[in-house]
């Protein structure tokens, strides 16, 4: 019986092994780069959404301040109409000229009617009596990527 021996040599790395290793490292690098890029984009979008929420809440607080100064500041406005805040260093006002903030965001608000059940005075969505001493206020802040809206109830406390 004859036995054949083969001699294996592991003296070097073949070209195929080098190409496989380079391919794996390249794919890992691309994946990591895309992940970092996606994280940065998501962070930027989250910051813009946070800005819009804060600006909408700020708008609501300004409208509350105008209500606290004098209910007539709001009661004379037309319902379901877009209004803008006109802010300066010394005055707060309501106007019809769009308010642009930081060259990016547009803030507006509208007052909506509130209806109450005639007997229980609870707010109802339809079929009630119009409450002239309450408004639902919607403050919206938008940019090219969407709009964030804050809704709340405003009541004329001086009428209570």
N, C-alpha and C. Protein backbone atom coordinates (compact mmCIF):
# COMPACT_ATOMS: atom_id res chain seq x y z
N UNK A 1 0.81 -1.14 0.00
CA UNK A 1 0.00 0.00 0.00
C UNK A 1 0.88 1.24 0.00
N UNK A 2 0.49 2.10 -0.75
CA UNK A 2 1.27 3.31 -0.91
C UNK A 2 0.56 4.50 -0.28
N UNK A 3 1.24 5.27 0.49
CA UNK A 3 0.66 6.44 1.12
C UNK A 3 1.25 7.68 0.49
N UNK A 4 0.38 8.59 0.17
CA UNK A 4 0.82 9.85 -0.42
C UNK A 4 0.68 10.95 0.62
N UNK A 5 1.69 11.69 0.73
CA UNK A 5 1.68 12.81 1.65
C UNK A 5 1.70 14.10 0.84
N UNK A 6 0.86 15.00 1.26
CA UNK A 6 0.90 16.30 0.61
C UNK A 6 1.43 17.31 1.61
N UNK A 7 2.14 18.18 1.09
CA UNK A 7 2.74 19.19 1.95
C UNK A 7 1.89 20.45 1.86
N UNK A 8 1.35 20.93 3.01
CA UNK A 8 0.58 22.16 3.00
C UNK A 8 1.48 23.29 3.43
N UNK A 9 1.21 24.37 2.83
CA UNK A 9 2.06 25.51 3.13
C UNK A 9 1.17 26.64 3.61
N UNK A 10 1.48 27.23 4.72
CA UNK A 10 0.73 28.36 5.23
C UNK A 10 1.68 29.54 5.41
N UNK A 11 2.47 29.72 4.43
CA UNK A 11 3.49 30.76 4.51
C UNK A 11 2.95 32.15 4.20
N UNK A 12 1.85 32.28 3.54
CA UNK A 12 1.39 33.61 3.16
C UNK A 12 -0.12 33.70 3.09
N UNK A 13 -0.62 34.91 2.87
CA UNK A 13 -2.05 35.15 2.74
C UNK A 13 -2.34 35.26 1.26
N UNK A 14 -3.38 34.55 0.85
CA UNK A 14 -3.71 34.58 -0.57
C UNK A 14 -4.45 35.87 -0.91
N UNK A 15 -4.52 36.17 -2.15
CA UNK A 15 -5.20 37.37 -2.64
C UNK A 15 -6.68 37.33 -2.29
N UNK A 16 -7.31 36.16 -2.34
CA UNK A 16 -8.73 36.03 -2.01
C UNK A 16 -8.97 36.40 -0.56
N UNK A 17 -8.14 35.97 0.35
CA UNK A 17 -8.29 36.30 1.76
C UNK A 17 -8.16 37.80 1.99
N UNK A 18 -7.22 38.43 1.30
CA UNK A 18 -7.04 39.88 1.42
C UNK A 18 -8.28 40.60 0.93
N UNK A 19 -8.84 40.17 -0.19
CA UNK A 19 -10.03 40.81 -0.74
C UNK A 19 -11.23 40.64 0.19
N UNK A 20 -11.40 39.46 0.78
CA UNK A 20 -12.50 39.22 1.71
C UNK A 20 -12.34 40.13 2.94
N UNK A 21 -11.15 40.22 3.48
CA UNK A 21 -10.91 41.07 4.65
C UNK A 21 -11.17 42.53 4.34
N UNK A 22 -10.70 43.01 3.20
CA UNK A 22 -10.94 44.40 2.79
C UNK A 22 -12.43 44.65 2.60
N UNK A 23 -13.14 43.68 2.02
CA UNK A 23 -14.58 43.83 1.83
C UNK A 23 -15.33 43.93 3.15
N UNK A 24 -14.95 43.09 4.12
CA UNK A 24 -15.61 43.12 5.43
C UNK A 24 -15.35 44.44 6.13
N UNK A 25 -14.11 44.90 6.12
CA UNK A 25 -13.77 46.18 6.75
C UNK A 25 -14.50 47.32 6.05
N UNK A 26 -14.59 47.28 4.73
CA UNK A 26 -15.28 48.33 3.98
C UNK A 26 -16.77 48.38 4.33
N UNK A 27 -17.42 47.23 4.37
CA UNK A 27 -18.85 47.19 4.71
C UNK A 27 -19.08 47.68 6.13
N UNK A 28 -18.23 47.29 7.06
CA UNK A 28 -18.37 47.76 8.43
C UNK A 28 -18.20 49.27 8.51
N UNK A 29 -17.24 49.81 7.78
CA UNK A 29 -17.01 51.26 7.77
C UNK A 29 -18.20 52.00 7.18
N UNK A 30 -18.74 51.49 6.11
CA UNK A 30 -19.91 52.12 5.48
C UNK A 30 -21.10 52.09 6.44
N UNK A 31 -21.33 50.95 7.08
CA UNK A 31 -22.43 50.82 8.02
C UNK A 31 -22.29 51.81 9.18
N UNK A 32 -21.11 51.91 9.74
CA UNK A 32 -20.87 52.83 10.85
C UNK A 32 -21.07 54.27 10.39
N UNK A 33 -20.57 54.61 9.22
CA UNK A 33 -20.74 55.97 8.69
C UNK A 33 -22.20 56.32 8.47
N UNK A 34 -22.96 55.39 7.88
CA UNK A 34 -24.39 55.64 7.66
C UNK A 34 -25.15 55.77 8.99
N UNK A 35 -24.77 54.98 9.97
CA UNK A 35 -25.41 55.05 11.28
C UNK A 35 -25.15 56.41 11.94
N UNK A 36 -23.93 56.87 11.88
CA UNK A 36 -23.59 58.18 12.46
C UNK A 36 -24.33 59.29 11.73
N UNK A 37 -24.40 59.22 10.40
CA UNK A 37 -25.11 60.22 9.61
C UNK A 37 -26.59 60.23 9.98
N UNK A 38 -27.21 59.04 10.08
CA UNK A 38 -28.63 58.95 10.42
C UNK A 38 -28.89 59.51 11.82
N UNK A 39 -27.99 59.23 12.75
CA UNK A 39 -28.11 59.77 14.10
C UNK A 39 -28.09 61.29 14.09
N UNK A 40 -27.17 61.86 13.33
CA UNK A 40 -27.05 63.32 13.25
C UNK A 40 -28.31 63.94 12.64
N UNK A 41 -28.85 63.33 11.60
CA UNK A 41 -30.07 63.84 10.98
C UNK A 41 -31.27 63.73 11.93
N UNK A 42 -31.37 62.63 12.63
CA UNK A 42 -32.47 62.45 13.58
C UNK A 42 -32.38 63.46 14.72
N UNK A 43 -31.18 63.70 15.18
CA UNK A 43 -30.97 64.67 16.25
C UNK A 43 -31.39 66.07 15.79
N UNK A 44 -31.01 66.42 14.58
CA UNK A 44 -31.36 67.74 14.04
C UNK A 44 -32.88 67.89 13.93
N UNK A 45 -33.55 66.86 13.44
CA UNK A 45 -35.00 66.91 13.31
C UNK A 45 -35.67 66.98 14.68
N UNK A 46 -35.16 66.25 15.65
CA UNK A 46 -35.70 66.30 17.00
C UNK A 46 -35.55 67.68 17.61
N UNK A 47 -34.43 68.33 17.37
CA UNK A 47 -34.23 69.70 17.88
C UNK A 47 -35.23 70.66 17.26
N UNK A 48 -35.52 70.52 15.96
CA UNK A 48 -36.51 71.39 15.31
C UNK A 48 -37.91 71.13 15.88
N UNK A 49 -38.25 69.87 16.11
CA UNK A 49 -39.56 69.56 16.68
C UNK A 49 -39.68 70.13 18.10
N UNK A 50 -38.61 70.06 18.86
CA UNK A 50 -38.60 70.62 20.21
C UNK A 50 -38.75 72.14 20.15
N UNK A 51 -38.06 72.79 19.22
CA UNK A 51 -38.20 74.24 19.04
C UNK A 51 -39.65 74.61 18.75
N UNK A 52 -40.29 73.86 17.85
CA UNK A 52 -41.68 74.16 17.49
C UNK A 52 -42.60 74.00 18.70
N UNK A 53 -42.37 72.98 19.51
CA UNK A 53 -43.22 72.78 20.68
C UNK A 53 -43.05 73.92 21.68
N UNK A 54 -41.80 74.30 21.93
CA UNK A 54 -41.57 75.41 22.86
C UNK A 54 -42.17 76.72 22.34
N UNK A 55 -42.05 76.97 21.05
CA UNK A 55 -42.61 78.20 20.48
C UNK A 55 -44.13 78.20 20.55
N UNK A 56 -44.75 77.04 20.34
CA UNK A 56 -46.21 76.95 20.45
C UNK A 56 -46.65 77.19 21.89
N UNK A 57 -45.95 76.59 22.85
CA UNK A 57 -46.29 76.82 24.25
C UNK A 57 -46.07 78.28 24.65
N UNK A 58 -45.00 78.88 24.14
CA UNK A 58 -44.74 80.30 24.41
C UNK A 58 -45.89 81.15 23.86
N UNK A 59 -46.35 80.83 22.65
CA UNK A 59 -47.47 81.56 22.05
C UNK A 59 -48.72 81.46 22.90
N UNK A 60 -48.99 80.28 23.44
CA UNK A 60 -50.14 80.10 24.31
C UNK A 60 -50.00 80.96 25.57
N UNK A 61 -48.81 80.98 26.14
CA UNK A 61 -48.59 81.79 27.35
C UNK A 61 -48.77 83.28 27.05
N UNK A 62 -48.37 83.73 25.88
CA UNK A 62 -48.56 85.14 25.51
C UNK A 62 -50.05 85.45 25.37
N UNK A 63 -50.80 84.53 24.77
CA UNK A 63 -52.25 84.72 24.63
C UNK A 63 -52.91 84.75 26.01
N UNK A 64 -52.46 83.90 26.91
CA UNK A 64 -52.98 83.96 28.29
C UNK A 64 -52.69 85.31 28.94
N UNK A 65 -51.49 85.83 28.70
CA UNK A 65 -51.14 87.15 29.24
C UNK A 65 -52.06 88.22 28.69
N UNK A 66 -52.33 88.17 27.37
CA UNK A 66 -53.24 89.14 26.76
C UNK A 66 -54.65 89.00 27.35
N UNK A 67 -55.08 87.77 27.61
CA UNK A 67 -56.38 87.55 28.26
C UNK A 67 -56.38 88.14 29.66
N UNK A 68 -55.30 87.94 30.41
CA UNK A 68 -55.23 88.44 31.78
C UNK A 68 -55.23 89.96 31.83
N UNK A 69 -54.62 90.59 30.82
CA UNK A 69 -54.63 92.05 30.77
C UNK A 69 -56.04 92.58 30.55
N UNK A 70 -56.76 91.97 29.60
CA UNK A 70 -58.12 92.43 29.31
C UNK A 70 -58.77 91.41 28.38
N UNK A 71 -59.90 90.86 28.81
CA UNK A 71 -60.61 89.85 28.01
C UNK A 71 -60.99 90.40 26.63
N UNK A 72 -61.16 91.70 26.53
CA UNK A 72 -61.52 92.32 25.25
C UNK A 72 -60.44 92.09 24.21
N UNK A 73 -59.18 91.91 24.64
CA UNK A 73 -58.10 91.59 23.69
C UNK A 73 -58.43 90.37 22.85
N UNK A 74 -59.20 89.44 23.40
CA UNK A 74 -59.55 88.22 22.68
C UNK A 74 -61.01 88.18 22.24
N UNK A 75 -61.90 88.71 23.05
CA UNK A 75 -63.33 88.59 22.74
C UNK A 75 -63.73 89.33 21.47
N UNK A 76 -62.95 90.31 21.05
CA UNK A 76 -63.27 91.04 19.83
C UNK A 76 -62.77 90.37 18.55
N UNK A 77 -62.06 89.26 18.69
CA UNK A 77 -61.52 88.57 17.51
C UNK A 77 -62.57 87.67 16.87
N UNK A 78 -62.44 87.46 15.58
CA UNK A 78 -63.35 86.59 14.85
C UNK A 78 -62.93 85.14 15.07
N UNK A 79 -63.90 84.28 15.40
CA UNK A 79 -63.60 82.88 15.63
C UNK A 79 -63.18 82.19 14.33
N UNK A 80 -62.39 81.14 14.46
CA UNK A 80 -61.91 80.32 13.34
C UNK A 80 -61.12 81.13 12.31
N UNK A 81 -60.42 82.15 12.75
CA UNK A 81 -59.62 82.99 11.88
C UNK A 81 -58.17 82.93 12.35
N UNK A 82 -57.24 82.84 11.40
CA UNK A 82 -55.83 82.82 11.75
C UNK A 82 -55.36 84.22 12.16
N UNK A 83 -54.71 84.30 13.32
CA UNK A 83 -54.11 85.53 13.82
C UNK A 83 -52.66 85.26 14.16
N UNK A 84 -51.90 86.34 14.19
CA UNK A 84 -50.47 86.24 14.49
C UNK A 84 -50.14 87.17 15.65
N UNK A 85 -49.15 86.78 16.43
CA UNK A 85 -48.68 87.64 17.51
C UNK A 85 -47.70 88.65 16.94
N UNK A 86 -47.84 89.88 17.35
CA UNK A 86 -46.93 90.95 16.95
C UNK A 86 -46.15 91.36 18.19
N UNK A 87 -44.91 90.90 18.28
CA UNK A 87 -44.11 91.13 19.48
C UNK A 87 -43.01 92.13 19.21
N UNK A 88 -42.80 93.00 20.17
CA UNK A 88 -41.66 93.91 20.11
C UNK A 88 -41.06 93.98 21.51
N UNK A 89 -40.06 94.80 21.69
CA UNK A 89 -39.43 94.91 23.00
C UNK A 89 -40.37 95.48 24.05
N UNK A 90 -41.35 96.26 23.62
CA UNK A 90 -42.21 96.94 24.61
C UNK A 90 -43.69 96.59 24.50
N UNK A 91 -44.12 95.93 23.43
CA UNK A 91 -45.55 95.68 23.27
C UNK A 91 -45.83 94.24 22.82
N UNK A 92 -47.03 93.82 23.17
CA UNK A 92 -47.60 92.57 22.68
C UNK A 92 -48.89 92.94 21.97
N UNK A 93 -49.09 92.42 20.79
CA UNK A 93 -50.32 92.73 20.06
C UNK A 93 -50.71 91.54 19.20
N UNK A 94 -51.92 91.60 18.68
CA UNK A 94 -52.43 90.57 17.78
C UNK A 94 -52.64 91.22 16.44
N UNK A 95 -52.18 90.56 15.37
CA UNK A 95 -52.31 91.15 14.05
C UNK A 95 -52.56 90.09 12.99
N UNK A 96 -52.51 90.55 11.75
CA UNK A 96 -52.76 89.66 10.61
C UNK A 96 -51.52 89.45 9.76
N UNK A 97 -50.40 90.02 10.19
CA UNK A 97 -49.13 89.85 9.46
C UNK A 97 -48.44 88.61 10.01
N UNK A 98 -48.06 87.68 9.16
CA UNK A 98 -47.43 86.45 9.65
C UNK A 98 -46.21 86.73 10.52
N UNK A 99 -46.11 85.97 11.59
CA UNK A 99 -44.99 86.08 12.52
C UNK A 99 -43.95 85.02 12.12
N UNK A 100 -42.79 85.49 11.70
CA UNK A 100 -41.69 84.60 11.33
C UNK A 100 -40.66 84.64 12.46
N UNK A 101 -40.30 83.46 12.97
CA UNK A 101 -39.37 83.37 14.09
C UNK A 101 -38.09 82.71 13.62
N UNK A 102 -36.97 83.37 13.88
CA UNK A 102 -35.64 82.87 13.50
C UNK A 102 -35.52 82.56 12.01
N UNK A 103 -36.33 83.21 11.21
CA UNK A 103 -36.27 83.00 9.77
C UNK A 103 -36.71 81.61 9.33
N UNK A 104 -37.27 80.82 10.23
CA UNK A 104 -37.61 79.43 9.90
C UNK A 104 -39.05 79.05 10.24
N UNK A 105 -39.53 79.52 11.38
CA UNK A 105 -40.82 79.08 11.89
C UNK A 105 -41.89 80.15 11.72
N UNK A 106 -43.12 79.72 11.45
CA UNK A 106 -44.27 80.61 11.39
C UNK A 106 -45.23 80.20 12.50
N UNK A 107 -45.60 81.18 13.33
CA UNK A 107 -46.51 80.89 14.44
C UNK A 107 -47.81 81.62 14.22
N UNK A 108 -48.92 80.94 14.40
CA UNK A 108 -50.24 81.54 14.30
C UNK A 108 -51.15 80.92 15.35
N UNK A 109 -52.27 81.58 15.58
CA UNK A 109 -53.25 81.00 16.50
C UNK A 109 -54.64 81.31 15.99
N UNK A 110 -55.57 80.52 16.48
CA UNK A 110 -56.99 80.78 16.19
C UNK A 110 -57.80 80.45 17.43
N UNK A 111 -58.89 81.16 17.57
CA UNK A 111 -59.83 80.92 18.66
C UNK A 111 -61.02 80.16 18.10
N UNK A 112 -61.42 79.13 18.82
CA UNK A 112 -62.55 78.30 18.42
C UNK A 112 -63.65 78.41 19.47
N UNK A 113 -64.91 78.27 19.06
CA UNK A 113 -66.00 78.41 20.02
C UNK A 113 -66.05 77.24 21.00
N UNK A 114 -66.60 77.51 22.17
CA UNK A 114 -66.82 76.49 23.18
C UNK A 114 -68.32 76.41 23.44
N UNK A 115 -68.85 75.19 23.40
CA UNK A 115 -70.27 74.98 23.67
C UNK A 115 -70.42 74.17 24.96
N UNK A 116 -71.43 74.53 25.75
CA UNK A 116 -71.67 73.85 27.02
C UNK A 116 -73.09 73.31 27.07
N UNK A 117 -73.23 72.23 27.81
CA UNK A 117 -74.54 71.67 28.09
C UNK A 117 -75.31 72.69 28.92
N UNK A 118 -76.54 72.97 28.54
CA UNK A 118 -77.31 74.03 29.20
C UNK A 118 -77.59 73.73 30.68
N UNK A 119 -77.69 72.48 31.05
CA UNK A 119 -78.03 72.16 32.44
C UNK A 119 -76.80 71.87 33.29
N UNK A 120 -75.81 71.15 32.75
CA UNK A 120 -74.66 70.76 33.58
C UNK A 120 -73.45 71.67 33.39
N UNK A 121 -73.49 72.53 32.40
CA UNK A 121 -72.39 73.44 32.07
C UNK A 121 -71.11 72.72 31.62
N UNK A 122 -71.19 71.42 31.34
CA UNK A 122 -70.04 70.68 30.83
C UNK A 122 -69.82 71.03 29.36
N UNK A 123 -68.58 71.01 28.94
CA UNK A 123 -68.26 71.29 27.54
C UNK A 123 -68.71 70.11 26.69
N UNK A 124 -69.39 70.44 25.60
CA UNK A 124 -69.86 69.41 24.66
C UNK A 124 -69.35 69.74 23.27
N UNK A 125 -69.23 68.71 22.44
CA UNK A 125 -68.71 68.93 21.09
C UNK A 125 -69.77 69.49 20.15
N UNK A 126 -71.05 69.21 20.43
CA UNK A 126 -72.11 69.78 19.59
C UNK A 126 -73.42 69.79 20.38
N UNK A 127 -74.33 70.62 19.93
CA UNK A 127 -75.66 70.65 20.51
C UNK A 127 -75.80 71.44 21.79
N UNK A 128 -74.76 72.15 22.17
CA UNK A 128 -74.85 72.92 23.41
C UNK A 128 -75.10 74.39 23.14
N UNK A 129 -74.92 75.16 24.20
CA UNK A 129 -75.09 76.61 24.15
C UNK A 129 -73.71 77.24 24.05
N UNK A 130 -73.58 78.23 23.16
CA UNK A 130 -72.30 78.92 22.99
C UNK A 130 -71.91 79.63 24.27
N UNK A 131 -70.68 79.41 24.72
CA UNK A 131 -70.15 80.07 25.92
C UNK A 131 -69.29 81.25 25.46
N UNK A 132 -69.77 82.46 25.65
CA UNK A 132 -69.04 83.65 25.21
C UNK A 132 -67.87 84.01 26.11
N UNK A 133 -67.75 83.33 27.24
CA UNK A 133 -66.66 83.60 28.17
C UNK A 133 -65.59 82.50 28.16
N UNK A 134 -65.59 81.69 27.12
CA UNK A 134 -64.57 80.64 26.95
C UNK A 134 -64.24 80.49 25.48
N UNK A 135 -62.99 80.20 25.23
CA UNK A 135 -62.52 79.88 23.88
C UNK A 135 -61.60 78.68 23.95
N UNK A 136 -61.62 77.90 22.91
CA UNK A 136 -60.56 76.91 22.72
C UNK A 136 -59.53 77.61 21.84
N UNK A 137 -58.27 77.62 22.27
CA UNK A 137 -57.23 78.28 21.49
C UNK A 137 -56.31 77.21 20.92
N UNK A 138 -55.96 77.37 19.65
CA UNK A 138 -54.99 76.50 18.98
C UNK A 138 -53.83 77.37 18.52
N UNK A 139 -52.63 77.07 19.03
CA UNK A 139 -51.43 77.77 18.61
C UNK A 139 -50.61 76.79 17.78
N UNK A 140 -50.30 77.17 16.55
CA UNK A 140 -49.57 76.29 15.63
C UNK A 140 -48.26 76.94 15.22
N UNK A 141 -47.21 76.13 15.20
CA UNK A 141 -45.90 76.57 14.73
C UNK A 141 -45.48 75.59 13.64
N UNK A 142 -45.16 76.16 12.48
CA UNK A 142 -44.79 75.31 11.36
C UNK A 142 -43.49 75.73 10.72
N UNK A 143 -42.91 74.78 10.04
CA UNK A 143 -41.76 75.03 9.17
C UNK A 143 -41.99 74.17 7.92
N UNK A 144 -41.01 74.05 7.09
CA UNK A 144 -41.18 73.28 5.86
C UNK A 144 -41.42 71.80 6.08
N UNK A 145 -41.22 71.32 7.32
CA UNK A 145 -41.33 69.88 7.60
C UNK A 145 -42.56 69.49 8.39
N UNK A 146 -43.46 70.42 8.62
CA UNK A 146 -44.68 70.07 9.36
C UNK A 146 -45.05 71.14 10.37
N UNK A 147 -46.12 70.85 11.11
CA UNK A 147 -46.67 71.80 12.07
C UNK A 147 -46.88 71.12 13.41
N UNK A 148 -46.60 71.86 14.47
CA UNK A 148 -46.88 71.41 15.83
C UNK A 148 -47.94 72.34 16.41
N UNK A 149 -48.97 71.76 17.02
CA UNK A 149 -50.09 72.55 17.53
C UNK A 149 -50.32 72.26 19.01
N UNK A 150 -50.55 73.32 19.77
CA UNK A 150 -50.93 73.22 21.18
C UNK A 150 -52.37 73.72 21.28
N UNK A 151 -53.23 72.95 21.94
CA UNK A 151 -54.62 73.33 22.14
C UNK A 151 -54.89 73.46 23.63
N UNK A 152 -55.68 74.46 24.00
CA UNK A 152 -56.03 74.66 25.40
C UNK A 152 -57.32 75.46 25.50
N UNK A 153 -57.85 75.50 26.69
CA UNK A 153 -59.08 76.24 26.95
C UNK A 153 -58.73 77.55 27.64
N UNK A 154 -59.31 78.66 27.16
CA UNK A 154 -59.16 79.96 27.80
C UNK A 154 -60.53 80.38 28.35
N UNK A 155 -60.52 80.85 29.58
CA UNK A 155 -61.77 81.25 30.23
C UNK A 155 -61.61 82.69 30.73
N UNK A 156 -62.67 83.45 30.61
CA UNK A 156 -62.72 84.81 31.12
C UNK A 156 -62.99 84.74 32.62
N UNK A 157 -61.92 84.78 33.43
CA UNK A 157 -62.06 84.64 34.86
C UNK A 157 -62.78 85.82 35.50
N UNK A 158 -62.73 86.97 34.87
CA UNK A 158 -63.41 88.14 35.45
C UNK A 158 -64.92 88.00 35.37
N UNK A 159 -65.42 87.10 34.52
CA UNK A 159 -66.86 86.90 34.38
C UNK A 159 -67.39 85.89 35.39
N UNK A 160 -66.51 85.21 36.07
CA UNK A 160 -66.96 84.18 37.02
C UNK A 160 -67.44 84.78 38.31
